[in-house]
C-alpha atoms as a PDB file:
ATOM      1  CA  MET A   1      51.718  57.221  41.992  1.00  0.00           C
ATOM      2  CA  ASN A   2      48.134  57.401  43.163  1.00  0.00           C
ATOM      3  CA  PRO A   3      48.083  59.936  46.026  1.00  0.00           C
ATOM      4  CA  GLN A   4      45.481  57.833  47.843  1.00  0.00           C
ATOM      5  CA  SER A   5      48.052  55.035  48.142  1.00  0.00           C
ATOM      6  CA  ASP A   6      50.890  57.332  49.193  1.00  0.00           C
ATOM      7  CA  PRO A   7      51.083  57.199  52.998  1.00  0.00           C
ATOM      8  CA  THR A   8      53.023  60.465  53.139  1.00  0.00           C
ATOM      9  CA  VAL A   9      49.959  62.486  52.174  1.00  0.00           C
ATOM     10  CA  GLN A  10      47.686  61.032  54.822  1.00  0.00           C
ATOM     11  CA  PRO A  11      46.620  63.412  57.602  1.00  0.00           C
ATOM     12  CA  VAL A  12      48.267  62.732  60.930  1.00  0.00           C
ATOM     13  CA  PRO A  13      45.676  61.299  63.326  1.00  0.00           C
ATOM     14  CA  ALA A  14      44.959  63.399  66.426  1.00  0.00           C
ATOM     15  CA  SER A  15      45.972  60.446  68.617  1.00  0.00           C
ATOM     16  CA  VAL A  16      49.446  60.481  67.059  1.00  0.00           C
ATOM     17  CA  VAL A  17      49.739  64.237  67.584  1.00  0.00           C
ATOM     18  CA  ALA A  18      48.771  63.720  71.228  1.00  0.00           C
ATOM     19  CA  GLN A  19      51.410  60.999  71.614  1.00  0.00           C
ATOM     20  CA  VAL A  20      54.059  63.243  70.071  1.00  0.00           C
ATOM     21  CA  ASP A  21      53.094  66.051  72.440  1.00  0.00           C
ATOM     22  CA  ALA A  22      53.197  63.660  75.384  1.00  0.00           C
ATOM     23  CA  ALA A  23      56.611  62.406  74.308  1.00  0.00           C
ATOM     24  CA  ASP A  24      58.094  65.908  74.077  1.00  0.00           C
ATOM     25  CA  VAL A  25      60.779  65.480  76.715  1.00  0.00           C
ATOM     26  CA  THR A  26      61.321  69.234  76.911  1.00  0.00           C
ATOM     27  CA  LEU A  27      57.862  69.535  78.448  1.00  0.00           C
ATOM     28  CA  SER A  28      57.500  66.987  81.203  1.00  0.00           C
ATOM     29  CA  ASN A  29      54.220  67.588  83.074  1.00  0.00           C
ATOM     30  CA  PRO A  30      53.637  71.046  81.555  1.00  0.00           C
ATOM     31  CA  LYS A  31      51.211  73.602  82.942  1.00  0.00           C
ATOM     32  CA  ARG A  32      48.864  75.703  80.829  1.00  0.00           C
ATOM     33  CA  ALA A  33      49.271  79.458  80.978  1.00  0.00           C
ATOM     34  CA  VAL A  34      47.438  82.307  79.273  1.00  0.00           C
ATOM     35  CA  ILE A  35      49.422  85.377  78.240  1.00  0.00           C
ATOM     36  CA  SER A  36      48.023  88.690  77.030  1.00  0.00           C
ATOM     37  CA  LEU A  37      50.008  90.787  74.533  1.00  0.00           C
ATOM     38  CA  GLY A  38      49.500  94.443  73.688  1.00  0.00           C
ATOM     39  CA  SER A  39      51.395  97.049  71.653  1.00  0.00           C
ATOM     40  CA  ASN A  40      50.629 100.661  70.739  1.00  0.00           C
ATOM     41  CA  LEU A  41      54.017 101.982  69.607  1.00  0.00           C
ATOM     42  CA  GLY A  42      56.078 101.233  66.505  1.00  0.00           C
ATOM     43  CA  ASN A  43      55.170  98.364  64.180  1.00  0.00           C
ATOM     44  CA  ARG A  44      52.551  96.843  66.446  1.00  0.00           C
ATOM     45  CA  LEU A  45      51.876  93.643  64.482  1.00  0.00           C
ATOM     46  CA  GLU A  46      55.577  92.910  63.971  1.00  0.00           C
ATOM     47  CA  THR A  47      56.200  93.469  67.676  1.00  0.00           C
ATOM     48  CA  LEU A  48      53.401  91.111  68.720  1.00  0.00           C
ATOM     49  CA  GLN A  49      54.724  88.420  66.364  1.00  0.00           C
ATOM     50  CA  GLY A  50      58.245  88.964  67.688  1.00  0.00           C
ATOM     51  CA  ALA A  51      57.016  88.497  71.253  1.00  0.00           C
ATOM     52  CA  ILE A  52      55.231  85.258  70.293  1.00  0.00           C
ATOM     53  CA  ASP A  53      58.360  83.959  68.574  1.00  0.00           C
ATOM     54  CA  ALA A  54      60.483  84.907  71.597  1.00  0.00           C
ATOM     55  CA  LEU A  55      58.126  83.014  73.901  1.00  0.00           C
ATOM     56  CA  GLU A  56      58.317  79.956  71.637  1.00  0.00           C
ATOM     57  CA  ASP A  57      62.130  80.172  71.747  1.00  0.00           C
ATOM     58  CA  THR A  58      62.024  79.871  75.547  1.00  0.00           C
ATOM     59  CA  PRO A  59      63.274  76.503  76.840  1.00  0.00           C
ATOM     60  CA  GLY A  60      60.438  74.690  78.609  1.00  0.00           C
ATOM     61  CA  LEU A  61      57.710  76.639  76.823  1.00  0.00           C
ATOM     62  CA  ARG A  62      55.571  75.871  73.770  1.00  0.00           C
ATOM     63  CA  VAL A  63      53.032  78.234  72.232  1.00  0.00           C
ATOM     64  CA  LYS A  64      49.895  76.174  71.609  1.00  0.00           C
ATOM     65  CA  ALA A  65      47.358  78.766  70.390  1.00  0.00           C
ATOM     66  CA  VAL A  66      47.418  82.339  69.107  1.00  0.00           C
ATOM     67  CA  SER A  67      44.283  84.478  68.997  1.00  0.00           C
ATOM     68  CA  PRO A  68      43.145  86.811  66.240  1.00  0.00           C
ATOM     69  CA  VAL A  69      44.353  90.424  66.447  1.00  0.00           C
ATOM     70  CA  TYR A  70      42.117  93.106  67.963  1.00  0.00           C
ATOM     71  CA  GLU A  71      42.536  96.856  67.805  1.00  0.00           C
ATOM     72  CA  THR A  72      41.530  98.484  71.062  1.00  0.00           C
ATOM     73  CA  ALA A  73      41.317 101.861  72.702  1.00  0.00           C
ATOM     74  CA  PRO A  74      43.953 102.491  75.413  1.00  0.00           C
ATOM     75  CA  TRP A  75      42.852 101.582  78.946  1.00  0.00           C
ATOM     76  CA  GLY A  76      42.679 104.137  81.757  1.00  0.00           C
ATOM     77  CA  VAL A  77      43.615 107.255  79.743  1.00  0.00           C
ATOM     78  CA  GLU A  78      41.841 110.139  78.044  1.00  0.00           C
ATOM     79  CA  PRO A  79      40.556 109.203  74.553  1.00  0.00           C
ATOM     80  CA  GLY A  80      42.843 110.422  71.791  1.00  0.00           C
ATOM     81  CA  THR A  81      45.920 110.866  73.995  1.00  0.00           C
ATOM     82  CA  GLN A  82      47.580 107.606  72.874  1.00  0.00           C
ATOM     83  CA  PRO A  83      47.656 105.448  69.739  1.00  0.00           C
ATOM     84  CA  THR A  84      45.325 102.448  69.670  1.00  0.00           C
ATOM     85  CA  TYR A  85      46.584  99.043  70.738  1.00  0.00           C
ATOM     86  CA  PHE A  86      46.880  95.791  68.897  1.00  0.00           C
ATOM     87  CA  ASN A  87      46.012  93.028  71.373  1.00  0.00           C
ATOM     88  CA  ALA A  88      46.190  89.250  71.260  1.00  0.00           C
ATOM     89  CA  VAL A  89      46.213  86.304  73.652  1.00  0.00           C
ATOM     90  CA  VAL A  90      48.431  83.238  73.484  1.00  0.00           C
ATOM     91  CA  VAL A  91      47.967  79.942  75.286  1.00  0.00           C
ATOM     92  CA  VAL A  92      51.180  78.175  76.206  1.00  0.00           C
ATOM     93  CA  LYS A  93      52.252  74.934  77.829  1.00  0.00           C
ATOM     94  CA  THR A  94      55.247  75.371  80.090  1.00  0.00           C
ATOM     95  CA  THR A  95      57.348  73.641  82.707  1.00  0.00           C
ATOM     96  CA  LEU A  96      58.576  76.990  84.000  1.00  0.00           C
ATOM     97  CA  PRO A  97      57.241  77.994  87.418  1.00  0.00           C
ATOM     98  CA  PRO A  98      55.213  81.238  87.477  1.00  0.00           C
ATOM     99  CA  SER A  99      58.148  83.304  88.741  1.00  0.00           C
ATOM    100  CA  SER A 100      60.370  82.174  85.862  1.00  0.00           C
ATOM    101  CA  LEU A 101      57.581  82.748  83.350  1.00  0.00           C
ATOM    102  CA  LEU A 102      57.252  86.301  84.679  1.00  0.00           C
ATOM    103  CA  GLU A 103      61.007  86.841  84.308  1.00  0.00           C
ATOM    104  CA  ARG A 104      60.781  85.645  80.714  1.00  0.00           C
ATOM    105  CA  ALA A 105      57.794  87.910  80.008  1.00  0.00           C
ATOM    106  CA  GLN A 106      59.718  90.893  81.359  1.00  0.00           C
ATOM    107  CA  ALA A 107      62.800  89.929  79.354  1.00  0.00           C
ATOM    108  CA  VAL A 108      60.673  89.884  76.181  1.00  0.00           C
ATOM    109  CA  GLU A 109      59.359  93.355  77.050  1.00  0.00           C
ATOM    110  CA  GLU A 110      62.910  94.620  77.590  1.00  0.00           C
ATOM    111  CA  ALA A 111      64.039  93.101  74.288  1.00  0.00           C
ATOM    112  CA  PHE A 112      61.476  95.317  72.561  1.00  0.00           C
ATOM    113  CA  ASP A 113      62.591  98.397  74.517  1.00  0.00           C
ATOM    114  CA  ARG A 114      59.570  98.492  76.781  1.00  0.00           C
ATOM    115  CA  VAL A 115      60.041 101.480  79.098  1.00  0.00           C
ATOM    116  CA  ARG A 116      57.971 101.720  82.275  1.00  0.00           C
ATOM    117  CA  VAL A 117      57.575 105.467  82.724  1.00  0.00           C
ATOM    118  CA  GLU A 118      53.934 105.881  83.655  1.00  0.00           C
ATOM    119  CA  ARG A 119      51.095 103.616  84.647  1.00  0.00           C
ATOM    120  CA  TRP A 120      48.972 102.774  81.604  1.00  0.00           C
ATOM    121  CA  GLY A 121      51.463 104.682  79.459  1.00  0.00           C
ATOM    122  CA  PRO A 122      52.097 103.805  75.818  1.00  0.00           C
ATOM    123  CA  ARG A 123      54.384 100.831  75.258  1.00  0.00           C
ATOM    124  CA  THR A 124      56.044  98.921  72.480  1.00  0.00           C
ATOM    125  CA  ILE A 125      54.939  95.662  74.106  1.00  0.00           C
ATOM    126  CA  ASP A 126      53.058  94.531  77.167  1.00  0.00           C
ATOM    127  CA  VAL A 127      53.368  90.839  78.123  1.00  0.00           C
ATOM    128  CA  ASP A 128      51.001  89.941  80.974  1.00  0.00           C
ATOM    129  CA  ILE A 129      50.423  86.547  82.538  1.00  0.00           C
ATOM    130  CA  VAL A 130      46.647  86.286  82.788  1.00  0.00           C
ATOM    131  CA  ALA A 131      46.466  82.818  84.320  1.00  0.00           C
ATOM    132  CA  TYR A 132      48.805  79.951  85.203  1.00  0.00           C
ATOM    133  CA  ALA A 133      47.086  76.561  85.617  1.00  0.00           C
ATOM    134  CA  ASP A 134      44.676  76.999  88.542  1.00  0.00           C
ATOM    135  CA  VAL A 135      47.189  78.901  90.657  1.00  0.00           C
ATOM    136  CA  VAL A 136      45.778  81.602  92.910  1.00  0.00           C
ATOM    137  CA  SER A 137      48.373  83.926  94.424  1.00  0.00           C
ATOM    138  CA  ASP A 138      48.208  87.405  95.924  1.00  0.00           C
ATOM    139  CA  ASP A 139      51.959  87.918  95.657  1.00  0.00           C
ATOM    140  CA  PRO A 140      52.306  91.605  94.677  1.00  0.00           C
ATOM    141  CA  VAL A 141      55.108  90.723  92.236  1.00  0.00           C
ATOM    142  CA  LEU A 142      52.843  88.320  90.324  1.00  0.00           C
ATOM    143  CA  THR A 143      49.184  88.193  91.312  1.00  0.00           C
ATOM    144  CA  LEU A 144      47.404  85.181  89.787  1.00  0.00           C
ATOM    145  CA  PRO A 145      45.060  85.198  88.067  1.00  0.00           C
ATOM    146  CA  HIS A 146      45.750  88.718  86.762  1.00  0.00           C
ATOM    147  CA  PRO A 147      43.759  90.998  89.103  1.00  0.00           C
ATOM    148  CA  ARG A 148      42.052  92.993  86.328  1.00  0.00           C
ATOM    149  CA  ALA A 149      41.750  90.416  83.517  1.00  0.00           C
ATOM    150  CA  HIS A 150      38.088  89.728  84.344  1.00  0.00           C
ATOM    151  CA  GLN A 151      37.255  93.389  83.625  1.00  0.00           C
ATOM    152  CA  ARG A 152      39.174  93.766  80.383  1.00  0.00           C
ATOM    153  CA  ALA A 153      37.449  93.052  77.101  1.00  0.00           C
ATOM    154  CA  PHE A 154      40.804  93.335  75.295  1.00  0.00           C
ATOM    155  CA  VAL A 155      41.894  90.209  77.208  1.00  0.00           C
ATOM    156  CA  LEU A 156      38.600  88.325  77.367  1.00  0.00           C
ATOM    157  CA  VAL A 157      37.574  88.714  73.697  1.00  0.00           C
ATOM    158  CA  PRO A 158      40.732  87.212  72.135  1.00  0.00           C
ATOM    159  CA  TRP A 159      40.996  84.605  74.913  1.00  0.00           C
ATOM    160  CA  HIS A 160      37.433  83.478  74.222  1.00  0.00           C
ATOM    161  CA  ASP A 161      38.352  83.089  70.538  1.00  0.00           C
ATOM    162  CA  VAL A 162      41.027  80.492  71.289  1.00  0.00           C
ATOM    163  CA  GLU A 163      39.475  78.872  74.385  1.00  0.00           C
ATOM    164  CA  PRO A 164      35.689  79.365  74.380  1.00  0.00           C
ATOM    165  CA  GLU A 165      35.261  76.973  77.322  1.00  0.00           C
ATOM    166  CA  ALA A 166      38.029  78.526  79.438  1.00  0.00           C
ATOM    167  CA  GLN A 167      37.632  79.412  83.093  1.00  0.00           C
ATOM    168  CA  LEU A 168      39.337  82.235  84.968  1.00  0.00           C
ATOM    169  CA  THR A 169      40.030  80.680  88.342  1.00  0.00           C
ATOM    170  CA  GLY A 170      37.930  82.278  91.058  1.00  0.00           C
ATOM    171  CA  ARG A 171      35.983  84.430  88.584  1.00  0.00           C
ATOM    172  CA  GLY A 172      33.975  82.049  86.395  1.00  0.00           C
ATOM    173  CA  THR A 173      33.939  81.186  82.734  1.00  0.00           C
ATOM    174  CA  VAL A 174      35.442  83.544  80.185  1.00  0.00           C
ATOM    175  CA  SER A 175      32.130  83.599  78.280  1.00  0.00           C
ATOM    176  CA  GLU A 176      30.259  84.716  81.443  1.00  0.00           C
ATOM    177  CA  LEU A 177      32.862  87.369  82.209  1.00  0.00           C
ATOM    178  CA  LEU A 178      32.740  88.577  78.624  1.00  0.00           C
ATOM    179  CA  ALA A 179      28.966  89.010  78.815  1.00  0.00           C
ATOM    180  CA  ALA A 180      29.436  91.312  81.808  1.00  0.00           C
ATOM    181  CA  VAL A 181      31.985  93.754  80.321  1.00  0.00           C
ATOM    182  CA  GLU A 182      31.711  96.599  77.840  1.00  0.00           C
ATOM    183  CA  GLN A 183      33.086  95.424  74.493  1.00  0.00           C
ATOM    184  CA  ALA A 184      32.874  98.730  72.602  1.00  0.00           C
ATOM    185  CA  GLY A 185      36.276  99.787  71.315  1.00  0.00           C
ATOM    186  CA  VAL A 186      37.515  96.211  70.828  1.00  0.00           C
ATOM    187  CA  GLU A 187      37.581  95.775  67.049  1.00  0.00           C
ATOM    188  CA  ALA A 188      38.536  92.562  65.244  1.00  0.00           C
ATOM    189  CA  ARG A 189      41.269  93.089  62.636  1.00  0.00           C
ATOM    190  CA  ALA A 190      40.495  90.280  60.215  1.00  0.00           C
ATOM    191  CA  ASP A 191      43.038  91.779  57.797  1.00  0.00           C
ATOM    192  CA  LEU A 192      45.871  91.019  60.226  1.00  0.00           C
ATOM    193  CA  GLU A 193      47.185  87.653  61.355  1.00  0.00           C
ATOM    194  CA  LEU A 194      49.680  86.358  63.864  1.00  0.00           C
ATOM    195  CA  ARG A 195      51.440  83.069  63.118  1.00  0.00           C
ATOM    196  CA  LEU A 196      51.704  80.126  65.423  1.00  0.00           C
ATOM    197  CA  PRO A 197      55.470  79.453  65.527  1.00  0.00           C
ATOM    198  CA  ASP A 198      56.638  76.455  63.482  1.00  0.00           C
END
């Protein structure tokens, strides 16, 4: 059979993909959220992928974009006192409210034996909600947007990769914020790749 005449090999038009997304009854009126992932203990890449897969397995949540992997120096500690981090950012669509998304993020951390011993201490996995729609909240349990995301190249660099036009509510565009922060110590790891869940 001539492949040109075989409808099964035709690319799916973007409009059809959009209709399928819109018809996904598990995500009625979803909100966009940005989640930062970091790991500097154990098999860092495997842990990041496991966290992404666990997020995708969450009812009412779909992972829509996964950034490249960056290797970064630990934040807020003496150089050389901790292993380097692998960092990535994922963009999700979710019907979960922010509080439930936070509970899920913490459950993912616990599943990977995250232990909170010291501030900025080493960790198997860090799952931080950077932004949730345009929500602004100063709730100490979950401050939105993340209160330090605008200062952190290890969040802004991978986020800019997947959403170059993104805005951090109340702070400006990600590209503007990125231009204002020190990016030394945030190294692209082109040899490593995280999968978007099937």
